[in-house]
Amino acid sequence: MTRSAVPALLPVVPFVGAAVAAMVAVVSPRVARWIAVVAVAVVTVLAAWGLARSVESGPLVHPMGGWAAPFGIEYVLDPLSAFIALLIGVIGLFVVLYPTRVGFGIEPERGVFLHAIVLLLLGGLLGVAVAGDLFNLFVSLEIYSIASYALIALGGPAAAVASYRYLLIGTVGSSLYLLGVGFIYFTTGTLGMDSVTTTLGGLTGSPTTAAATALVVMGLGTKMAVFPLHVWLPDAHSHAPPAVAALLAAVQVKVAAYALIRILLDVFPPRYVIDDLPVLDLLVWFGLAGVVVGSVIAIRQTDLKRLLAHSTVAQIGYIAVGIGLANSQALIGALLHVVNHAAMKACLFFAAGAILEQARTKKIPEMTGLGPRMPWTMAGFTLAAISMIGLPPTAGFFSKWYLVSGAVETGNWFVAVVIVGSSVFTLVYFLRVLERIWFGTPESSGAHTGDGPGGTPSVVEARPAIVAPVAVLGISVVVLGIVNFAIVREVLDPVAIRLLN
C-alpha cells in the first residue's frame, strides 16, 4: 500500500465545495452551480488518476490525522473503489452540468442551496467508496441518504410523500446495517475492514457473526433496492426531478451494491458467505424475482419515468444475481452492469427531462411522433433503450453475457434462462415506447399536436445544453460495449479474482 492524500480528497473536495457553494449561493446561485461543476470535475480527475495508479502499483491509503488503522480512520482507494469513485464523478458531472430548471424543476435563482446539497450527496457516495472502516461507511451512507431525501422532495407534493416514505424505509435500512456493525464490533473489538477480516477468521461458527451478516445484508439490500426491499424506489425515482432520478438510479443504488460486495466478499472471511451461509443463494433468488417483477410491472406503465423506475428494480436484480453466483464471470458481469446501467439509465432519465421540457408530458401515449421532432434526443434515448434490451454491440449485451456465462459455469441453467428471457420483457416495454415516438402519428393517436402555425406540431428539439448529455451518454453505451474487454482485463478481472480467492 502507498500513502496518498487522494483517497481523502475524493470526499473532502465535494464537502468543502458544498460549504463554499452554500455561502456563495446566498448572493449568486449561478456562481454556486459553477463551484459545483469545478468540484465534481476535480473529483473526476482525481478518481481517474487514482484508478490508474492503484491498478499499476496497488492500493492508495490515507490515515486521517496520521493515525493508522485499527486506531485511526483510513481512507483506501483500490481498483474497485477507484472504479466506483470514477463512475460517481462522471455521472455527477453530467448532473451538475444539466440545466437547473429542467433537471431539478426550479429556477436557478431559487435553488439557493441546491448544488450544495448535490455536492453533499456526491461526497457521501464517495465516502462510502473509500471508507476503510465499517462505521465511517455508515456515516457516509447517512450523509448521502439525507441529501437524497431533500433532492427527491423537489419534485412536488407527490415527490415529498415519496421522499418521506424513503426516509422511513431508509432509516430502517440504516439501523439494520448499524446494528450489524455493532454485532461485529462486540465480537471483534474493531471496525477497521482489514482487522475485522483477520479477527473474524476464527469466529465463523459464531451465531453473532451470522446475525451480523444477516443484518448488514438486509440494511444494504434496502439501500440497494433489492427485491422485496425495493418498495421505496418506484415512487422516489418516478416523482423526483429528472436529474435527481438520474443520479439516484445511476449511482446511488450502485454504491450500496458496491458496499455489499465489499463487505460480503472482502471484509468477511474468505468464502464465509459462499460456503458457510446461504446468503449468496438468497441474493440470487431475490435478484431473479426482482428481474421478473420489475420487468412485468414496467410493461404495464403508461408514465415514462415510472417505467424507468421499475426497470431499475429489474436491473438491480441483475447485479444481485451476479454477486450471488459468486464466480469470476458473474461478478465481472455484475460490476460491468454497474457502470453500463449507470450510463444507460442516466441517458434515459435525461431524455425524459428533455421530453418533459419540450412536450410537457411524461405519458407514453402523448409521446407519439416525437422522434422526427426531437431527433437527437430520441436517438440517444433509442441507443440507451437498445442497450437496456441487451443487443450487441451496446454495453448492456456484454454485462448480460458475463452474467449468463457465470450462471452456465456454475450449472445454474435456470438463472441463465431467466436472464435471457428477461431481455424479451425489456424489449416489449421499450419497443412500445420506440414504436410510438418514431412511427406513430399524433393525428391518428389523438396525442397533443401543439399550437404551431396551421395546426402543425409545436414541439421542437431541445436546446444544446439539454441534448448534449443525452447524446454523449447515448454514444457512450456503444463505446462502453466496444471497449468492455479493456475494462474487464485491466480492472474487473483482477478485482473478481482477488475477491473470490
Protein backbone atom coordinates (compact mmCIF):
# COMPACT_ATOMS: atom_id res chain seq x y z
CA MET A 1 0.00 0.00 0.00
CA THR A 2 1.09 3.54 -0.82
CA ARG A 3 0.31 6.57 1.31
CA SER A 4 -1.50 9.27 -0.65
CA ALA A 5 -3.85 12.18 0.01
CA VAL A 6 -6.07 11.24 -2.97
CA PRO A 7 -8.41 8.84 -1.09
CA ALA A 8 -9.21 11.56 1.46
CA LEU A 9 -9.51 14.30 -1.16
CA LEU A 10 -12.25 12.45 -3.03
CA PRO A 11 -14.94 13.06 -0.36
CA VAL A 12 -13.30 16.20 1.10
CA VAL A 13 -13.39 18.18 -2.18
CA PRO A 14 -17.20 17.95 -2.61
CA PHE A 15 -17.76 18.58 1.11
CA VAL A 16 -15.66 21.75 1.02
CA GLY A 17 -17.30 22.66 -2.28
CA ALA A 18 -20.71 22.23 -0.62
CA ALA A 19 -19.77 24.66 2.17
CA VAL A 20 -18.44 27.23 -0.29
CA ALA A 21 -21.39 26.81 -2.66
CA ALA A 22 -23.86 27.26 0.20
CA MET A 23 -22.27 30.56 1.23
CA VAL A 24 -21.93 31.85 -2.34
CA ALA A 25 -25.47 30.78 -3.29
CA VAL A 26 -26.96 33.38 -0.95
CA VAL A 27 -25.53 36.04 -3.28
CA SER A 28 -25.45 34.18 -6.62
CA PRO A 29 -26.94 30.69 -7.14
CA ARG A 30 -25.49 30.64 -10.67
CA VAL A 31 -21.94 31.01 -9.34
CA ALA A 32 -22.68 28.26 -6.81
CA ARG A 33 -23.53 25.98 -9.72
CA TRP A 34 -20.14 26.56 -11.31
CA ILE A 35 -18.44 25.92 -7.98
CA ALA A 36 -20.20 22.55 -8.02
CA VAL A 37 -19.05 21.91 -11.59
CA VAL A 38 -15.43 22.65 -10.69
CA ALA A 39 -15.56 20.50 -7.54
CA VAL A 40 -17.03 17.50 -9.38
CA ALA A 41 -14.57 17.92 -12.26
CA VAL A 42 -11.68 17.85 -9.77
CA VAL A 43 -13.13 14.69 -8.18
CA THR A 44 -13.43 13.02 -11.59
CA VAL A 45 -9.80 13.78 -12.45
CA LEU A 46 -8.59 12.56 -9.05
CA ALA A 47 -10.63 9.35 -9.36
CA ALA A 48 -9.27 8.67 -12.86
CA TRP A 49 -5.70 9.24 -11.63
CA GLY A 50 -6.33 7.09 -8.57
CA LEU A 51 -7.72 4.26 -10.71
CA ALA A 52 -4.69 4.28 -12.99
CA ARG A 53 -2.28 4.46 -10.04
CA SER A 54 -3.99 1.73 -7.99
CA VAL A 55 -4.14 -0.64 -10.97
CA GLU A 56 -0.45 -0.06 -11.63
CA SER A 57 1.03 -0.08 -8.13
CA GLY A 58 -1.61 -1.21 -5.62
CA PRO A 59 -4.00 0.48 -3.17
CA LEU A 60 -3.57 4.07 -2.02
CA VAL A 61 -4.14 4.71 1.70
CA HIS A 62 -4.62 7.86 3.73
CA PRO A 63 -4.73 7.55 7.56
CA MET A 64 -6.68 10.55 8.85
CA GLY A 65 -4.65 12.61 11.31
CA GLY A 66 -1.71 10.28 10.82
CA TRP A 67 -3.36 7.56 12.91
CA ALA A 68 -3.11 4.22 11.13
CA ALA A 69 -5.80 1.53 11.42
CA PRO A 70 -7.08 -0.02 13.61
CA PHE A 71 -6.72 3.03 15.90
CA GLY A 72 -7.50 5.67 13.28
CA ILE A 73 -9.77 6.17 10.30
CA GLU A 74 -8.31 5.10 6.98
CA TYR A 75 -9.47 6.01 3.51
CA VAL A 76 -8.48 3.40 0.94
CA LEU A 77 -8.50 3.63 -2.84
CA ASP A 78 -8.00 0.30 -4.58
CA PRO A 79 -9.03 -0.57 -8.17
CA LEU A 80 -12.61 -1.42 -7.13
CA SER A 81 -13.24 1.70 -5.03
CA ALA A 82 -11.50 3.90 -7.63
CA PHE A 83 -13.69 2.35 -10.34
CA ILE A 84 -16.81 3.29 -8.35
CA ALA A 85 -15.43 6.76 -7.50
CA LEU A 86 -14.79 7.48 -11.18
CA LEU A 87 -18.35 6.44 -12.02
CA ILE A 88 -19.71 8.77 -9.31
CA GLY A 89 -17.60 11.63 -10.63
CA VAL A 90 -18.60 11.21 -14.28
CA ILE A 91 -22.35 10.90 -13.63
CA GLY A 92 -22.16 13.71 -11.06
CA LEU A 93 -20.55 15.96 -13.67
CA PHE A 94 -23.40 15.31 -16.11
CA VAL A 95 -25.92 16.10 -13.37
CA VAL A 96 -24.41 19.46 -12.33
CA LEU A 97 -23.96 20.49 -15.97
CA TYR A 98 -27.58 19.67 -16.86
CA PRO A 99 -29.71 22.87 -16.90
CA THR A 100 -31.01 23.57 -13.40
CA ARG A 101 -34.60 24.37 -14.28
CA VAL A 102 -35.02 21.27 -16.46
CA GLY A 103 -33.04 18.90 -14.27
CA PHE A 104 -34.27 19.96 -10.84
CA GLY A 105 -37.59 21.63 -11.60
CA ILE A 106 -36.72 25.03 -10.11
CA GLU A 107 -35.38 28.28 -11.49
CA PRO A 108 -31.60 28.77 -10.93
CA GLU A 109 -32.26 31.91 -8.87
CA ARG A 110 -34.50 29.98 -6.46
CA GLY A 111 -32.23 26.98 -5.99
CA VAL A 112 -30.14 28.67 -3.33
CA PHE A 113 -28.70 25.58 -1.62
CA LEU A 114 -29.45 23.12 -4.43
CA HIS A 115 -25.91 22.50 -5.64
CA ALA A 116 -24.56 22.41 -2.09
CA ILE A 117 -26.97 19.52 -1.41
CA VAL A 118 -25.91 17.80 -4.64
CA LEU A 119 -22.28 18.06 -3.53
CA LEU A 120 -23.19 16.63 -0.13
CA LEU A 121 -24.83 13.68 -1.87
CA LEU A 122 -21.78 13.10 -4.06
CA GLY A 123 -19.42 13.48 -1.09
CA GLY A 124 -21.38 10.87 0.85
CA LEU A 125 -21.28 8.47 -2.09
CA LEU A 126 -17.53 8.96 -2.43
CA GLY A 127 -17.12 8.49 1.32
CA VAL A 128 -18.74 5.07 1.05
CA ALA A 129 -16.43 4.18 -1.84
CA VAL A 130 -13.19 4.99 0.02
CA ALA A 131 -14.19 4.09 3.59
CA GLY A 132 -11.70 1.77 5.25
CA ASP A 133 -13.81 1.06 8.33
CA LEU A 134 -17.39 -0.08 8.80
CA PHE A 135 -18.60 2.83 10.95
CA ASN A 136 -17.20 5.52 8.66
CA LEU A 137 -19.03 3.76 5.83
CA PHE A 138 -22.25 4.14 7.86
CA VAL A 139 -21.64 7.87 8.38
CA SER A 140 -21.18 8.40 4.63
CA LEU A 141 -24.23 6.26 3.96
CA GLU A 142 -26.32 8.58 6.13
CA ILE A 143 -24.90 11.74 4.56
CA TYR A 144 -25.88 10.73 1.06
CA SER A 145 -29.26 9.41 2.24
CA ILE A 146 -30.20 12.68 3.96
CA ALA A 147 -29.14 14.69 0.91
CA SER A 148 -31.18 12.42 -1.38
CA TYR A 149 -34.32 12.89 0.74
CA ALA A 150 -34.08 16.65 0.20
CA LEU A 151 -33.44 16.37 -3.54
CA ILE A 152 -36.29 13.93 -4.17
CA ALA A 153 -38.75 16.31 -2.45
CA LEU A 154 -38.03 18.98 -5.12
CA GLY A 155 -40.38 17.12 -7.48
CA GLY A 156 -43.54 18.47 -5.83
CA PRO A 157 -46.16 17.20 -3.37
CA ALA A 158 -46.13 13.59 -4.62
CA ALA A 159 -42.33 13.62 -4.51
CA ALA A 160 -42.39 14.94 -0.94
CA VAL A 161 -44.56 12.00 0.09
CA ALA A 162 -42.23 9.60 -1.75
CA SER A 163 -39.25 11.23 -0.03
CA TYR A 164 -40.84 10.82 3.39
CA ARG A 165 -41.58 7.17 2.66
CA TYR A 166 -37.99 6.67 1.54
CA LEU A 167 -36.81 8.41 4.73
CA LEU A 168 -38.76 5.94 6.89
CA ILE A 169 -37.65 2.85 4.98
CA GLY A 170 -34.10 4.15 4.55
CA THR A 171 -33.83 4.79 8.28
CA VAL A 172 -34.82 1.18 8.95
CA GLY A 173 -32.17 0.01 6.47
CA SER A 174 -29.50 2.20 8.06
CA SER A 175 -30.46 0.98 11.53
CA LEU A 176 -30.20 -2.65 10.48
CA TYR A 177 -26.77 -2.03 8.99
CA LEU A 178 -25.59 -0.17 12.12
CA LEU A 179 -26.90 -2.95 14.36
CA GLY A 180 -24.97 -5.49 12.28
CA VAL A 181 -21.82 -3.36 12.61
CA GLY A 182 -22.41 -3.25 16.37
CA PHE A 183 -22.52 -7.04 16.50
CA ILE A 184 -19.25 -7.16 14.57
CA TYR A 185 -17.65 -4.71 16.99
CA PHE A 186 -18.83 -6.65 20.04
CA THR A 187 -17.37 -9.80 18.52
CA THR A 188 -14.06 -8.47 17.22
CA GLY A 189 -13.38 -5.25 19.15
CA THR A 190 -12.53 -3.41 15.94
CA LEU A 191 -14.22 -1.74 12.98
CA GLY A 192 -11.33 -1.48 10.51
CA MET A 193 -12.09 -3.61 7.48
CA ASP A 194 -8.68 -5.30 7.37
CA SER A 195 -8.63 -6.04 11.11
CA VAL A 196 -12.24 -7.32 11.07
CA THR A 197 -11.29 -9.81 8.36
CA THR A 198 -8.36 -11.10 10.41
CA THR A 199 -10.31 -11.36 13.67
CA LEU A 200 -13.47 -12.92 12.22
CA GLY A 201 -11.43 -15.71 10.64
CA GLY A 202 -11.71 -17.80 13.80
CA LEU A 203 -15.31 -16.84 14.58
CA THR A 204 -17.15 -18.08 11.52
CA GLY A 205 -19.18 -20.55 13.59
CA SER A 206 -20.48 -17.88 15.95
CA PRO A 207 -24.23 -17.10 15.89
CA THR A 208 -23.31 -13.45 16.44
CA THR A 209 -21.33 -13.44 13.20
CA ALA A 210 -24.28 -14.97 11.35
CA ALA A 211 -26.65 -12.38 12.83
CA ALA A 212 -24.29 -9.55 11.89
CA THR A 213 -24.15 -10.85 8.33
CA ALA A 214 -27.94 -11.02 8.05
CA LEU A 215 -28.39 -7.50 9.45
CA VAL A 216 -25.76 -5.96 7.18
CA VAL A 217 -27.25 -7.67 4.11
CA MET A 218 -30.78 -6.51 4.93
CA GLY A 219 -29.61 -2.97 5.64
CA LEU A 220 -27.57 -2.57 2.48
CA GLY A 221 -30.15 -4.53 0.49
CA THR A 222 -32.70 -1.85 1.43
CA LYS A 223 -30.37 0.92 0.27
CA MET A 224 -29.63 -1.04 -2.91
CA ALA A 225 -33.36 -1.66 -3.50
CA VAL A 226 -33.09 -5.42 -3.91
CA PHE A 227 -36.50 -7.10 -4.23
CA PRO A 228 -38.54 -7.19 -1.96
CA LEU A 229 -36.76 -4.33 -0.15
CA HIS A 230 -37.28 -2.05 -3.15
CA VAL A 231 -40.69 -0.62 -2.27
CA TRP A 232 -39.36 2.92 -1.78
CA LEU A 233 -37.71 3.12 -5.21
CA PRO A 234 -40.53 3.35 -7.80
CA ASP A 235 -42.20 6.39 -6.23
CA ALA A 236 -38.93 8.10 -5.30
CA HIS A 237 -37.41 7.76 -8.78
CA SER A 238 -40.58 8.47 -10.77
CA HIS A 239 -41.59 11.62 -8.84
CA ALA A 240 -38.07 13.05 -8.38
CA PRO A 241 -36.87 15.68 -10.89
CA PRO A 242 -35.09 14.15 -13.93
CA ALA A 243 -31.50 14.98 -12.87
CA VAL A 244 -32.14 13.68 -9.35
CA ALA A 245 -33.69 10.47 -10.70
CA ALA A 246 -30.68 10.04 -12.99
CA LEU A 247 -28.29 10.47 -10.06
CA LEU A 248 -30.20 8.05 -7.84
CA ALA A 249 -30.67 5.33 -10.44
CA ALA A 250 -27.21 5.66 -11.97
CA VAL A 251 -25.01 5.77 -8.87
CA GLN A 252 -26.82 5.90 -5.53
CA VAL A 253 -28.20 2.35 -5.55
CA LYS A 254 -24.94 1.15 -7.14
CA VAL A 255 -22.86 2.49 -4.27
CA ALA A 256 -24.95 0.39 -1.88
CA ALA A 257 -24.28 -2.59 -4.15
CA TYR A 258 -20.56 -1.79 -4.00
CA ALA A 259 -20.72 -1.69 -0.18
CA LEU A 260 -22.45 -5.08 -0.17
CA ILE A 261 -19.76 -6.58 -2.43
CA ARG A 262 -17.01 -5.04 -0.33
CA ILE A 263 -18.34 -6.36 2.98
CA LEU A 264 -19.51 -9.81 1.90
CA LEU A 265 -16.53 -10.71 -0.27
CA ASP A 266 -13.72 -8.60 1.18
CA VAL A 267 -14.42 -7.91 4.86
CA PHE A 268 -15.96 -11.20 5.97
CA PRO A 269 -13.56 -14.17 6.00
CA PRO A 270 -12.80 -15.65 2.56
CA ARG A 271 -15.65 -17.84 1.28
CA TYR A 272 -17.61 -17.47 4.56
CA VAL A 273 -20.77 -16.28 2.77
CA ILE A 274 -20.14 -18.75 -0.07
CA ASP A 275 -19.59 -21.98 1.84
CA ASP A 276 -20.98 -21.45 5.38
CA LEU A 277 -24.11 -19.28 5.00
CA PRO A 278 -26.83 -19.30 2.30
CA VAL A 279 -26.64 -15.51 1.94
CA LEU A 280 -25.49 -15.50 -1.67
CA ASP A 281 -28.04 -18.12 -2.70
CA LEU A 282 -30.77 -15.87 -1.30
CA LEU A 283 -29.33 -12.92 -3.24
CA VAL A 284 -29.62 -14.93 -6.45
CA TRP A 285 -33.27 -15.82 -5.86
CA PHE A 286 -34.29 -12.36 -4.71
CA GLY A 287 -32.38 -10.87 -7.64
CA LEU A 288 -34.21 -13.12 -10.10
CA ALA A 289 -37.54 -12.19 -8.52
CA GLY A 290 -36.64 -8.53 -8.91
CA VAL A 291 -35.74 -9.04 -12.57
CA VAL A 292 -39.10 -10.66 -13.32
CA VAL A 293 -41.33 -8.47 -11.14
CA GLY A 294 -39.66 -5.21 -12.17
CA SER A 295 -39.90 -6.10 -15.86
CA VAL A 296 -43.52 -7.24 -15.71
CA ILE A 297 -44.65 -4.12 -13.85
CA ALA A 298 -42.67 -1.90 -16.25
CA ILE A 299 -44.65 -3.35 -19.17
CA ARG A 300 -47.89 -2.07 -17.61
CA GLN A 301 -46.74 1.55 -17.15
CA THR A 302 -48.02 4.49 -19.18
CA ASP A 303 -45.79 7.01 -17.38
CA LEU A 304 -42.26 7.02 -18.85
CA LYS A 305 -40.45 7.88 -15.61
CA ARG A 306 -42.37 5.22 -13.71
CA LEU A 307 -41.47 2.69 -16.41
CA LEU A 308 -37.81 3.63 -15.99
CA ALA A 309 -38.10 3.34 -12.19
CA HIS A 310 -39.50 -0.20 -12.31
CA SER A 311 -36.89 -1.04 -14.94
CA THR A 312 -34.24 -0.04 -12.37
CA VAL A 313 -35.65 -2.65 -9.97
CA ALA A 314 -35.06 -5.28 -12.67
CA GLN A 315 -31.55 -4.03 -13.44
CA ILE A 316 -30.59 -4.08 -9.75
CA GLY A 317 -31.76 -7.70 -9.82
CA TYR A 318 -29.08 -8.49 -12.42
CA ILE A 319 -26.41 -7.05 -10.14
CA ALA A 320 -27.71 -9.03 -7.16
CA VAL A 321 -27.65 -12.23 -9.23
CA GLY A 322 -24.06 -11.56 -10.28
CA ILE A 323 -23.00 -11.07 -6.66
CA GLY A 324 -24.89 -14.15 -5.51
CA LEU A 325 -23.46 -16.52 -8.12
CA ALA A 326 -20.02 -15.77 -6.66
CA ASN A 327 -17.83 -16.82 -9.55
CA SER A 328 -15.47 -14.69 -11.58
CA GLN A 329 -17.60 -14.39 -14.73
CA ALA A 330 -20.79 -13.49 -12.86
CA LEU A 331 -19.08 -10.97 -10.57
CA ILE A 332 -17.47 -9.32 -13.59
CA GLY A 333 -20.94 -9.16 -15.15
CA ALA A 334 -22.37 -7.53 -12.01
CA LEU A 335 -19.59 -4.92 -11.81
CA LEU A 336 -19.73 -4.25 -15.54
CA HIS A 337 -23.51 -3.81 -15.28
CA VAL A 338 -22.95 -1.23 -12.53
CA VAL A 339 -21.22 1.10 -14.99
CA ASN A 340 -23.27 0.09 -18.05
CA HIS A 341 -26.60 0.63 -16.33
CA ALA A 342 -25.38 3.95 -14.95
CA ALA A 343 -24.75 5.24 -18.48
CA MET A 344 -27.98 3.77 -19.86
CA LYS A 345 -30.31 4.94 -17.12
CA ALA A 346 -28.77 8.41 -16.80
CA CYS A 347 -29.26 8.84 -20.57
CA LEU A 348 -32.90 7.70 -20.35
CA PHE A 349 -33.77 10.00 -17.43
CA PHE A 350 -32.05 12.98 -19.07
CA ALA A 351 -34.06 12.24 -22.22
CA ALA A 352 -37.22 12.08 -20.11
CA GLY A 353 -36.30 15.52 -18.77
CA ALA A 354 -35.93 16.85 -22.33
CA ILE A 355 -39.32 15.40 -23.29
CA LEU A 356 -40.95 16.93 -20.23
CA GLU A 357 -39.38 20.30 -21.05
CA GLN A 358 -40.32 20.33 -24.74
CA ALA A 359 -43.56 18.30 -24.91
CA ARG A 360 -44.78 18.92 -21.34
CA THR A 361 -45.64 15.27 -20.78
CA LYS A 362 -44.48 12.10 -19.04
CA LYS A 363 -47.25 9.98 -20.55
CA ILE A 364 -46.11 7.48 -23.18
CA PRO A 365 -49.29 7.78 -25.35
CA GLU A 366 -48.67 11.53 -25.63
CA MET A 367 -45.13 10.99 -26.99
CA THR A 368 -46.40 9.74 -30.33
CA GLY A 369 -44.39 11.18 -33.21
CA LEU A 370 -41.75 12.89 -31.08
CA GLY A 371 -38.88 11.13 -32.89
CA PRO A 372 -38.84 13.28 -36.04
CA ARG A 373 -39.42 16.44 -33.97
CA MET A 374 -36.70 15.72 -31.37
CA PRO A 375 -34.28 13.58 -33.42
CA TRP A 376 -31.11 13.99 -31.34
CA THR A 377 -32.83 13.41 -28.01
CA MET A 378 -34.72 10.40 -29.32
CA ALA A 379 -31.60 8.96 -30.98
CA GLY A 380 -29.82 8.98 -27.61
CA PHE A 381 -32.92 7.52 -25.93
CA THR A 382 -33.06 4.78 -28.57
CA LEU A 383 -29.40 3.81 -28.16
CA ALA A 384 -29.84 3.56 -24.37
CA ALA A 385 -33.04 1.51 -24.80
CA ILE A 386 -31.31 -0.88 -27.22
CA SER A 387 -28.52 -1.31 -24.68
CA MET A 388 -31.06 -1.97 -21.92
CA ILE A 389 -32.54 -4.71 -24.09
CA GLY A 390 -29.06 -6.17 -24.49
CA LEU A 391 -28.41 -6.03 -28.22
CA PRO A 392 -24.77 -6.09 -29.42
CA PRO A 393 -22.54 -4.15 -29.69
CA THR A 394 -24.03 -1.98 -26.95
CA ALA A 395 -22.83 -2.15 -23.35
CA GLY A 396 -25.88 -3.95 -21.99
CA PHE A 397 -25.20 -7.02 -24.11
CA PHE A 398 -21.78 -7.65 -22.63
CA SER A 399 -22.73 -7.38 -18.95
CA LYS A 400 -25.62 -9.79 -19.57
CA TRP A 401 -23.24 -12.06 -21.48
CA TYR A 402 -20.92 -12.33 -18.48
CA LEU A 403 -23.88 -12.96 -16.16
CA VAL A 404 -25.19 -15.76 -18.38
CA SER A 405 -21.68 -17.21 -18.70
CA GLY A 406 -21.31 -17.17 -14.91
CA ALA A 407 -24.66 -18.94 -14.49
CA VAL A 408 -23.74 -21.62 -17.05
CA GLU A 409 -20.31 -22.07 -15.47
CA THR A 410 -21.94 -22.97 -12.14
CA GLY A 411 -24.61 -25.12 -13.77
CA ASN A 412 -27.43 -22.69 -12.94
CA TRP A 413 -29.28 -23.03 -16.22
CA PHE A 414 -32.49 -21.68 -14.73
CA VAL A 415 -30.70 -18.43 -13.88
CA ALA A 416 -29.33 -18.21 -17.41
CA VAL A 417 -32.78 -18.76 -18.92
CA VAL A 418 -34.36 -16.07 -16.70
CA ILE A 419 -31.66 -13.53 -17.63
CA VAL A 420 -32.09 -14.21 -21.35
CA GLY A 421 -35.87 -14.30 -21.06
CA SER A 422 -35.94 -11.00 -19.17
CA SER A 423 -34.45 -9.32 -22.23
CA VAL A 424 -37.69 -10.19 -24.02
CA PHE A 425 -39.66 -8.32 -21.34
CA THR A 426 -37.31 -5.34 -21.72
CA LEU A 427 -37.80 -5.49 -25.49
CA VAL A 428 -41.58 -5.41 -25.02
CA TYR A 429 -41.75 -2.31 -22.86
CA PHE A 430 -39.14 -0.32 -24.75
CA LEU A 431 -40.42 -1.37 -28.19
CA ARG A 432 -43.82 0.01 -27.20
CA VAL A 433 -42.21 3.39 -26.49
CA LEU A 434 -39.91 3.39 -29.53
CA GLU A 435 -42.74 2.47 -31.90
CA ARG A 436 -44.76 5.45 -30.69
CA ILE A 437 -42.01 8.04 -30.83
CA TRP A 438 -40.62 7.02 -34.23
CA PHE A 439 -43.51 5.58 -36.22
CA GLY A 440 -46.70 6.92 -34.64
CA THR A 441 -48.56 9.99 -35.86
CA PRO A 442 -50.15 12.40 -33.37
CA GLU A 443 -53.28 12.75 -35.52
CA SER A 444 -54.04 9.03 -35.56
CA SER A 445 -53.35 8.54 -31.87
CA GLY A 446 -55.16 11.56 -30.53
CA ALA A 447 -51.97 12.84 -28.91
CA HIS A 448 -51.41 16.56 -28.43
CA THR A 449 -50.16 18.16 -31.66
CA GLY A 450 -49.31 21.57 -30.31
CA ASP A 451 -50.38 25.03 -31.32
CA GLY A 452 -47.97 25.94 -34.08
CA PRO A 453 -49.00 27.76 -37.29
CA GLY A 454 -51.66 25.93 -39.26
CA GLY A 455 -52.03 23.32 -36.53
CA THR A 456 -48.51 21.94 -37.03
CA PRO A 457 -46.76 20.41 -34.02
CA SER A 458 -45.09 23.00 -31.78
CA VAL A 459 -42.65 20.53 -30.19
CA VAL A 460 -39.07 21.00 -31.39
CA GLU A 461 -35.65 19.73 -30.39
CA ALA A 462 -34.39 20.88 -27.00
CA ARG A 463 -31.55 23.36 -26.75
CA PRO A 464 -27.94 22.01 -26.88
CA ALA A 465 -27.39 22.19 -23.10
CA ILE A 466 -30.24 19.68 -22.65
CA VAL A 467 -29.47 17.48 -25.65
CA ALA A 468 -25.69 17.21 -25.12
CA PRO A 469 -25.79 14.89 -22.05
CA VAL A 470 -28.32 12.63 -23.78
CA ALA A 471 -26.21 12.44 -26.94
CA VAL A 472 -22.91 11.87 -25.12
CA LEU A 473 -24.37 9.16 -22.87
CA GLY A 474 -26.13 7.55 -25.83
CA ILE A 475 -22.83 7.30 -27.68
CA SER A 476 -21.10 6.11 -24.51
CA VAL A 477 -23.27 2.97 -24.27
CA VAL A 478 -21.88 1.92 -27.66
CA VAL A 479 -18.32 2.90 -26.74
CA LEU A 480 -18.54 1.01 -23.43
CA GLY A 481 -19.67 -2.05 -25.35
CA ILE A 482 -16.75 -1.83 -27.76
CA VAL A 483 -14.09 -1.26 -25.07
CA ASN A 484 -15.59 -3.54 -22.43
CA PHE A 485 -12.78 -6.06 -22.92
CA ALA A 486 -10.23 -3.45 -21.79
CA ILE A 487 -12.27 -2.58 -18.67
CA VAL A 488 -12.57 -6.27 -17.83
CA ARG A 489 -8.94 -7.11 -18.48
CA GLU A 490 -7.38 -4.15 -16.68
CA VAL A 491 -9.77 -3.64 -13.75
CA LEU A 492 -12.63 -6.07 -13.23
CA ASP A 493 -10.96 -9.43 -13.82
CA PRO A 494 -8.18 -8.79 -11.25
CA VAL A 495 -10.79 -7.44 -8.80
CA ALA A 496 -13.01 -10.53 -9.19
CA ILE A 497 -10.07 -12.91 -8.76
CA ARG A 498 -8.94 -11.14 -5.58
CA LEU A 499 -12.40 -11.04 -4.01
CA LEU A 500 -13.24 -14.69 -4.70
CA ASN A 501 -9.96 -16.25 -3.64
